[in-house]
PDB file of all heavy atoms in Angstrom:
ATOM      1  N   LEU A   1      15.197  35.733 153.814  1.00  0.00           N
ATOM      2  CA  LEU A   1      14.399  36.365 154.838  1.00  0.00           C
ATOM      3  C   LEU A   1      13.170  35.502 155.121  1.00  0.00           C
ATOM      4  O   LEU A   1      12.473  35.103 154.163  1.00  0.00           O
ATOM      5  CB  LEU A   1      13.966  37.773 154.401  1.00  0.00           C
ATOM      6  CG  LEU A   1      13.114  38.596 155.375  1.00  0.00           C
ATOM      7  CD1 LEU A   1      13.444  40.092 155.280  1.00  0.00           C
ATOM      8  CD2 LEU A   1      11.612  38.395 155.140  1.00  0.00           C
ATOM      9  N   PHE A   2      12.920  35.250 156.394  1.00  0.00           N
ATOM     10  CA  PHE A   2      11.657  34.555 156.800  1.00  0.00           C
ATOM     11  C   PHE A   2      10.804  35.555 157.527  1.00  0.00           C
ATOM     12  O   PHE A   2      11.224  36.110 158.506  1.00  0.00           O
ATOM     13  CB  PHE A   2      11.996  33.354 157.646  1.00  0.00           C
ATOM     14  CG  PHE A   2      10.757  32.537 158.021  1.00  0.00           C
ATOM     15  CD1 PHE A   2      10.139  31.776 157.041  1.00  0.00           C
ATOM     16  CD2 PHE A   2      10.238  32.568 159.285  1.00  0.00           C
ATOM     17  CE1 PHE A   2       9.018  31.048 157.322  1.00  0.00           C
ATOM     18  CE2 PHE A   2       9.095  31.829 159.598  1.00  0.00           C
ATOM     19  CZ  PHE A   2       8.477  31.061 158.612  1.00  0.00           C
ATOM     20  N   LEU A   3       9.584  35.716 157.053  1.00  0.00           N
ATOM     21  CA  LEU A   3       8.634  36.686 157.630  1.00  0.00           C
ATOM     22  C   LEU A   3       7.560  35.956 158.408  1.00  0.00           C
ATOM     23  O   LEU A   3       6.962  34.975 157.942  1.00  0.00           O
ATOM     24  CB  LEU A   3       7.984  37.462 156.483  1.00  0.00           C
ATOM     25  CG  LEU A   3       6.722  38.260 156.805  1.00  0.00           C
ATOM     26  CD1 LEU A   3       7.014  39.390 157.766  1.00  0.00           C
ATOM     27  CD2 LEU A   3       6.021  38.759 155.563  1.00  0.00           C
ATOM     28  N   ILE A   4       7.269  36.445 159.605  1.00  0.00           N
ATOM     29  CA  ILE A   4       6.178  35.967 160.449  1.00  0.00           C
ATOM     30  C   ILE A   4       5.273  37.197 160.763  1.00  0.00           C
ATOM     31  O   ILE A   4       5.704  38.157 161.365  1.00  0.00           O
ATOM     32  CB  ILE A   4       6.657  35.402 161.793  1.00  0.00           C
ATOM     33  CG1 ILE A   4       7.775  34.368 161.580  1.00  0.00           C
ATOM     34  CG2 ILE A   4       5.491  34.790 162.536  1.00  0.00           C
ATOM     35  CD1 ILE A   4       8.417  33.912 162.890  1.00  0.00           C
ATOM     36  N   ALA A   5       4.050  37.115 160.265  1.00  0.00           N
ATOM     37  CA  ALA A   5       3.021  38.142 160.589  1.00  0.00           C
ATOM     38  C   ALA A   5       2.098  37.533 161.657  1.00  0.00           C
ATOM     39  O   ALA A   5       1.256  36.715 161.373  1.00  0.00           O
ATOM     40  CB  ALA A   5       2.278  38.539 159.339  1.00  0.00           C
ATOM     41  N   LEU A   6       2.234  38.019 162.873  1.00  0.00           N
ATOM     42  CA  LEU A   6       1.600  37.372 164.026  1.00  0.00           C
ATOM     43  C   LEU A   6       0.098  37.508 164.014  1.00  0.00           C
ATOM     44  O   LEU A   6      -0.630  36.545 164.263  1.00  0.00           O
ATOM     45  CB  LEU A   6       2.175  37.913 165.321  1.00  0.00           C
ATOM     46  CG  LEU A   6       3.480  37.335 165.830  1.00  0.00           C
ATOM     47  CD1 LEU A   6       3.350  35.825 166.024  1.00  0.00           C
ATOM     48  CD2 LEU A   6       4.660  37.639 164.887  1.00  0.00           C
ATOM     49  N   ASP A   7      -0.428  38.738 163.789  1.00  0.00           N
ATOM     50  CA  ASP A   7      -1.866  38.948 163.861  1.00  0.00           C
ATOM     51  C   ASP A   7      -2.621  38.291 162.714  1.00  0.00           C
ATOM     52  O   ASP A   7      -3.704  37.720 162.878  1.00  0.00           O
ATOM     53  CB  ASP A   7      -2.183  40.436 163.943  1.00  0.00           C
ATOM     54  CG  ASP A   7      -1.709  41.054 165.257  1.00  0.00           C
ATOM     55  OD1 ASP A   7      -1.443  40.266 166.198  1.00  0.00           O
ATOM     56  OD2 ASP A   7      -1.596  42.277 165.337  1.00  0.00           O
ATOM     57  N   SER A   8      -2.065  38.427 161.501  1.00  0.00           N
ATOM     58  CA  SER A   8      -2.701  37.836 160.321  1.00  0.00           C
ATOM     59  C   SER A   8      -2.283  36.381 160.125  1.00  0.00           C
ATOM     60  O   SER A   8      -2.820  35.676 159.222  1.00  0.00           O
ATOM     61  CB  SER A   8      -2.369  38.643 159.066  1.00  0.00           C
ATOM     62  OG  SER A   8      -0.978  38.721 158.862  1.00  0.00           O
ATOM     63  N   ARG A   9      -1.309  35.891 160.899  1.00  0.00           N
ATOM     64  CA  ARG A   9      -0.814  34.503 160.887  1.00  0.00           C
ATOM     65  C   ARG A   9      -0.334  34.099 159.465  1.00  0.00           C
ATOM     66  O   ARG A   9      -0.570  33.000 159.004  1.00  0.00           O
ATOM     67  CB  ARG A   9      -1.912  33.552 161.388  1.00  0.00           C
ATOM     68  CG  ARG A   9      -2.383  33.855 162.787  1.00  0.00           C
ATOM     69  CD  ARG A   9      -3.283  32.774 163.332  1.00  0.00           C
ATOM     70  NE  ARG A   9      -2.558  31.535 163.614  1.00  0.00           N
ATOM     71  CZ  ARG A   9      -1.818  31.336 164.709  1.00  0.00           C
ATOM     72  NH1 ARG A   9      -1.690  32.293 165.636  1.00  0.00           N
ATOM     73  NH2 ARG A   9      -1.212  30.182 164.879  1.00  0.00           N
ATOM     74  N   ASP A  10       0.414  35.031 158.863  1.00  0.00           N
ATOM     75  CA  ASP A  10       1.018  34.730 157.547  1.00  0.00           C
ATOM     76  C   ASP A  10       2.492  34.452 157.745  1.00  0.00           C
ATOM     77  O   ASP A  10       3.113  34.916 158.683  1.00  0.00           O
ATOM     78  CB  ASP A  10       0.858  35.946 156.617  1.00  0.00           C
ATOM     79  CG  ASP A  10      -0.576  36.182 156.208  1.00  0.00           C
ATOM     80  OD1 ASP A  10      -1.108  35.369 155.418  1.00  0.00           O
ATOM     81  OD2 ASP A  10      -1.150  37.175 156.692  1.00  0.00           O
ATOM     82  N   TYR A  11       3.051  33.673 156.798  1.00  0.00           N
ATOM     83  CA  TYR A  11       4.514  33.446 156.801  1.00  0.00           C
ATOM     84  C   TYR A  11       4.966  33.321 155.354  1.00  0.00           C
ATOM     85  O   TYR A  11       4.160  32.986 154.453  1.00  0.00           O
ATOM     86  CB  TYR A  11       4.876  32.169 157.560  1.00  0.00           C
ATOM     87  CG  TYR A  11       4.500  30.888 156.822  1.00  0.00           C
ATOM     88  CD1 TYR A  11       5.414  30.308 155.902  1.00  0.00           C
ATOM     89  CD2 TYR A  11       3.267  30.283 156.991  1.00  0.00           C
ATOM     90  CE1 TYR A  11       5.057  29.133 155.227  1.00  0.00           C
ATOM     91  CE2 TYR A  11       2.913  29.139 156.320  1.00  0.00           C
ATOM     92  CZ  TYR A  11       3.808  28.577 155.433  1.00  0.00           C
ATOM     93  OH  TYR A  11       3.452  27.444 154.764  1.00  0.00           O
ATOM     94  N   VAL A  12       6.245  33.575 155.114  1.00  0.00           N
ATOM     95  CA  VAL A  12       6.818  33.388 153.746  1.00  0.00           C
ATOM     96  C   VAL A  12       8.319  33.413 153.886  1.00  0.00           C
ATOM     97  O   VAL A  12       8.884  34.003 154.808  1.00  0.00           O
ATOM     98  CB  VAL A  12       6.325  34.477 152.793  1.00  0.00           C
ATOM     99  CG1 VAL A  12       6.991  35.842 153.103  1.00  0.00           C
ATOM    100  CG2 VAL A  12       6.623  34.112 151.330  1.00  0.00           C
ATOM    101  N   THR A  13       8.986  32.784 152.933  1.00  0.00           N
ATOM    102  CA  THR A  13      10.434  32.833 152.793  1.00  0.00           C
ATOM    103  C   THR A  13      10.795  33.398 151.461  1.00  0.00           C
ATOM    104  O   THR A  13      10.218  32.983 150.416  1.00  0.00           O
ATOM    105  CB  THR A  13      11.052  31.399 152.873  1.00  0.00           C
ATOM    106  OG1 THR A  13      10.618  30.741 154.060  1.00  0.00           O
ATOM    107  CG2 THR A  13      12.576  31.471 152.874  1.00  0.00           C
ATOM    108  N   ILE A  14      11.651  34.412 151.433  1.00  0.00           N
ATOM    109  CA  ILE A  14      12.151  34.956 150.153  1.00  0.00           C
ATOM    110  C   ILE A  14      13.672  34.927 150.144  1.00  0.00           C
ATOM    111  O   ILE A  14      14.336  34.991 151.220  1.00  0.00           O
ATOM    112  CB  ILE A  14      11.642  36.386 149.910  1.00  0.00           C
ATOM    113  CG1 ILE A  14      12.153  37.346 151.019  1.00  0.00           C
ATOM    114  CG2 ILE A  14      10.128  36.452 149.826  1.00  0.00           C
ATOM    115  CD1 ILE A  14      11.970  38.816 150.658  1.00  0.00           C
ATOM    116  N   THR A  15      14.245  34.802 148.975  1.00  0.00           N
ATOM    117  CA  THR A  15      15.694  34.792 148.801  1.00  0.00           C
ATOM    118  C   THR A  15      16.046  35.772 147.706  1.00  0.00           C
ATOM    119  O   THR A  15      15.218  36.073 146.812  1.00  0.00           O
ATOM    120  CB  THR A  15      16.225  33.401 148.428  1.00  0.00           C
ATOM    121  OG1 THR A  15      15.540  32.920 147.270  1.00  0.00           O
ATOM    122  CG2 THR A  15      16.007  32.430 149.565  1.00  0.00           C
ATOM    123  N   TYR A  16      17.280  36.247 147.737  1.00  0.00           N
ATOM    124  CA  TYR A  16      17.736  37.163 146.676  1.00  0.00           C
ATOM    125  C   TYR A  16      19.237  37.021 146.499  1.00  0.00           C
ATOM    126  O   TYR A  16      19.967  36.646 147.440  1.00  0.00           O
ATOM    127  CB  TYR A  16      17.403  38.606 147.073  1.00  0.00           C
ATOM    128  CG  TYR A  16      17.526  39.567 145.910  1.00  0.00           C
ATOM    129  CD1 TYR A  16      16.524  39.605 144.900  1.00  0.00           C
ATOM    130  CD2 TYR A  16      18.624  40.393 145.778  1.00  0.00           C
ATOM    131  CE1 TYR A  16      16.655  40.455 143.798  1.00  0.00           C
ATOM    132  CE2 TYR A  16      18.775  41.250 144.674  1.00  0.00           C
ATOM    133  CZ  TYR A  16      17.756  41.296 143.728  1.00  0.00           C
ATOM    134  OH  TYR A  16      17.890  42.149 142.647  1.00  0.00           O
ATOM    135  N   GLY A  17      19.714  37.282 145.278  1.00  0.00           N
ATOM    136  CA  GLY A  17      21.135  37.233 144.987  1.00  0.00           C
ATOM    137  C   GLY A  17      21.738  35.843 145.245  1.00  0.00           C
ATOM    138  O   GLY A  17      21.201  34.846 144.773  1.00  0.00           O
ATOM    139  N   GLY A  18      22.798  35.781 146.043  1.00  0.00           N
ATOM    140  CA  GLY A  18      23.406  34.521 146.361  1.00  0.00           C
ATOM    141  C   GLY A  18      22.481  33.613 147.212  1.00  0.00           C
ATOM    142  O   GLY A  18      22.699  32.415 147.259  1.00  0.00           O
ATOM    143  N   GLY A  19      21.484  34.208 147.837  1.00  0.00           N
ATOM    144  CA  GLY A  19      20.539  33.396 148.572  1.00  0.00           C
ATOM    145  C   GLY A  19      19.707  32.499 147.680  1.00  0.00           C
ATOM    146  O   GLY A  19      19.325  31.386 148.106  1.00  0.00           O
ATOM    147  N   VAL A  20      19.456  32.919 146.469  1.00  0.00           N
ATOM    148  CA  VAL A  20      18.707  32.135 145.494  1.00  0.00           C
ATOM    149  C   VAL A  20      19.524  30.863 145.113  1.00  0.00           C
ATOM    150  O   VAL A  20      18.992  29.793 144.983  1.00  0.00           O
ATOM    151  CB  VAL A  20      18.340  32.933 144.270  1.00  0.00           C
ATOM    152  CG1 VAL A  20      17.713  32.050 143.181  1.00  0.00           C
ATOM    153  CG2 VAL A  20      17.440  34.097 144.638  1.00  0.00           C
ATOM    154  N   THR A  21      20.843  31.071 144.989  1.00  0.00           N
ATOM    155  CA  THR A  21      21.727  29.964 144.619  1.00  0.00           C
ATOM    156  C   THR A  21      21.878  28.957 145.753  1.00  0.00           C
ATOM    157  O   THR A  21      21.840  27.748 145.568  1.00  0.00           O
ATOM    158  CB  THR A  21      23.107  30.470 144.207  1.00  0.00           C
ATOM    159  OG1 THR A  21      22.926  31.471 143.170  1.00  0.00           O
ATOM    160  CG2 THR A  21      23.975  29.367 143.695  1.00  0.00           C
ATOM    161  N   ALA A  22      22.079  29.446 146.975  1.00  0.00           N
ATOM    162  CA  ALA A  22      22.341  28.612 148.112  1.00  0.00           C
ATOM    163  C   ALA A  22      21.143  27.859 148.633  1.00  0.00           C
ATOM    164  O   ALA A  22      21.249  26.771 149.138  1.00  0.00           O
ATOM    165  CB  ALA A  22      22.961  29.447 149.235  1.00  0.00           C
ATOM    166  N   PHE A  23      19.942  28.452 148.449  1.00  0.00           N
ATOM    167  CA  PHE A  23      18.726  27.866 149.006  1.00  0.00           C
ATOM    168  C   PHE A  23      17.819  27.432 147.856  1.00  0.00           C
ATOM    169  O   PHE A  23      17.151  28.287 147.211  1.00  0.00           O
ATOM    170  CB  PHE A  23      18.002  28.838 149.910  1.00  0.00           C
ATOM    171  CG  PHE A  23      18.718  29.131 151.194  1.00  0.00           C
ATOM    172  CD1 PHE A  23      19.670  30.145 151.259  1.00  0.00           C
ATOM    173  CD2 PHE A  23      18.462  28.396 152.330  1.00  0.00           C
ATOM    174  CE1 PHE A  23      20.353  30.408 152.448  1.00  0.00           C
ATOM    175  CE2 PHE A  23      19.126  28.667 153.534  1.00  0.00           C
ATOM    176  CZ  PHE A  23      20.082  29.674 153.570  1.00  0.00           C
ATOM    177  N   THR A  24      17.743  26.145 147.592  1.00  0.00           N
ATOM    178  CA  THR A  24      16.898  25.611 146.545  1.00  0.00           C
ATOM    179  C   THR A  24      15.452  25.544 147.019  1.00  0.00           C
ATOM    180  O   THR A  24      15.167  25.624 148.234  1.00  0.00           O
ATOM    181  CB  THR A  24      17.335  24.182 146.133  1.00  0.00           C
ATOM    182  OG1 THR A  24      17.219  23.338 147.317  1.00  0.00           O
ATOM    183  CG2 THR A  24      18.763  24.197 145.654  1.00  0.00           C
ATOM    184  N   ASP A  25      14.515  25.391 146.082  1.00  0.00           N
ATOM    185  CA  ASP A  25      13.112  25.226 146.459  1.00  0.00           C
ATOM    186  C   ASP A  25      12.920  24.010 147.363  1.00  0.00           C
ATOM    187  O   ASP A  25      12.108  24.076 148.298  1.00  0.00           O
ATOM    188  CB  ASP A  25      12.276  25.053 145.165  1.00  0.00           C
ATOM    189  CG  ASP A  25      12.284  26.273 144.288  1.00  0.00           C
ATOM    190  OD1 ASP A  25      12.606  27.388 144.807  1.00  0.00           O
ATOM    191  OD2 ASP A  25      11.944  26.170 143.106  1.00  0.00           O
ATOM    192  N   TYR A  26      13.671  22.976 147.103  1.00  0.00           N
ATOM    193  CA  TYR A  26      13.606  21.774 147.923  1.00  0.00           C
ATOM    194  C   TYR A  26      13.977  22.076 149.366  1.00  0.00           C
ATOM    195  O   TYR A  26      13.311  21.652 150.311  1.00  0.00           O
ATOM    196  CB  TYR A  26      14.546  20.714 147.310  1.00  0.00           C
ATOM    197  CG  TYR A  26      14.780  19.519 148.182  1.00  0.00           C
ATOM    198  CD1 TYR A  26      13.869  18.433 148.162  1.00  0.00           C
ATOM    199  CD2 TYR A  26      15.926  19.381 148.993  1.00  0.00           C
ATOM    200  CE1 TYR A  26      14.092  17.302 148.944  1.00  0.00           C
ATOM    201  CE2 TYR A  26      16.142  18.255 149.752  1.00  0.00           C
ATOM    202  CZ  TYR A  26      15.221  17.220 149.737  1.00  0.00           C
ATOM    203  OH  TYR A  26      15.453  16.107 150.525  1.00  0.00           O
ATOM    204  N   ARG A  27      15.090  22.812 149.568  1.00  0.00           N
ATOM    205  CA  ARG A  27      15.554  23.070 150.901  1.00  0.00           C
ATOM    206  C   ARG A  27      14.620  24.061 151.635  1.00  0.00           C
ATOM    207  O   ARG A  27      14.351  23.905 152.813  1.00  0.00           O
ATOM    208  CB  ARG A  27      16.970  23.672 150.862  1.00  0.00           C
ATOM    209  CG  ARG A  27      17.572  23.967 152.216  1.00  0.00           C
ATOM    210  CD  ARG A  27      17.567  22.735 153.124  1.00  0.00           C
ATOM    211  NE  ARG A  27      18.286  22.950 154.364  1.00  0.00           N
ATOM    212  CZ  ARG A  27      18.335  22.097 155.356  1.00  0.00           C
ATOM    213  NH1 ARG A  27      17.656  20.978 155.290  1.00  0.00           N
ATOM    214  NH2 ARG A  27      19.078  22.368 156.447  1.00  0.00           N
ATOM    215  N   ILE A  28      14.108  25.051 150.931  1.00  0.00           N
ATOM    216  CA  ILE A  28      13.175  26.006 151.554  1.00  0.00           C
ATOM    217  C   ILE A  28      11.924  25.284 152.018  1.00  0.00           C
ATOM    218  O   ILE A  28      11.417  25.550 153.114  1.00  0.00           O
ATOM    219  CB  ILE A  28      12.832  27.100 150.545  1.00  0.00           C
ATOM    220  CG1 ILE A  28      14.036  28.023 150.340  1.00  0.00           C
ATOM    221  CG2 ILE A  28      11.628  27.957 151.048  1.00  0.00           C
ATOM    222  CD1 ILE A  28      13.850  29.075 149.244  1.00  0.00           C
TER     223      ILE A  28
END
């Protein structure tokens, strides 16, 4: 999941389950 908070201008990427395996820190 990629989150965009428009008014506070925050962003973050989180992964869970198989998403943790498929998406390494390097790729994120």
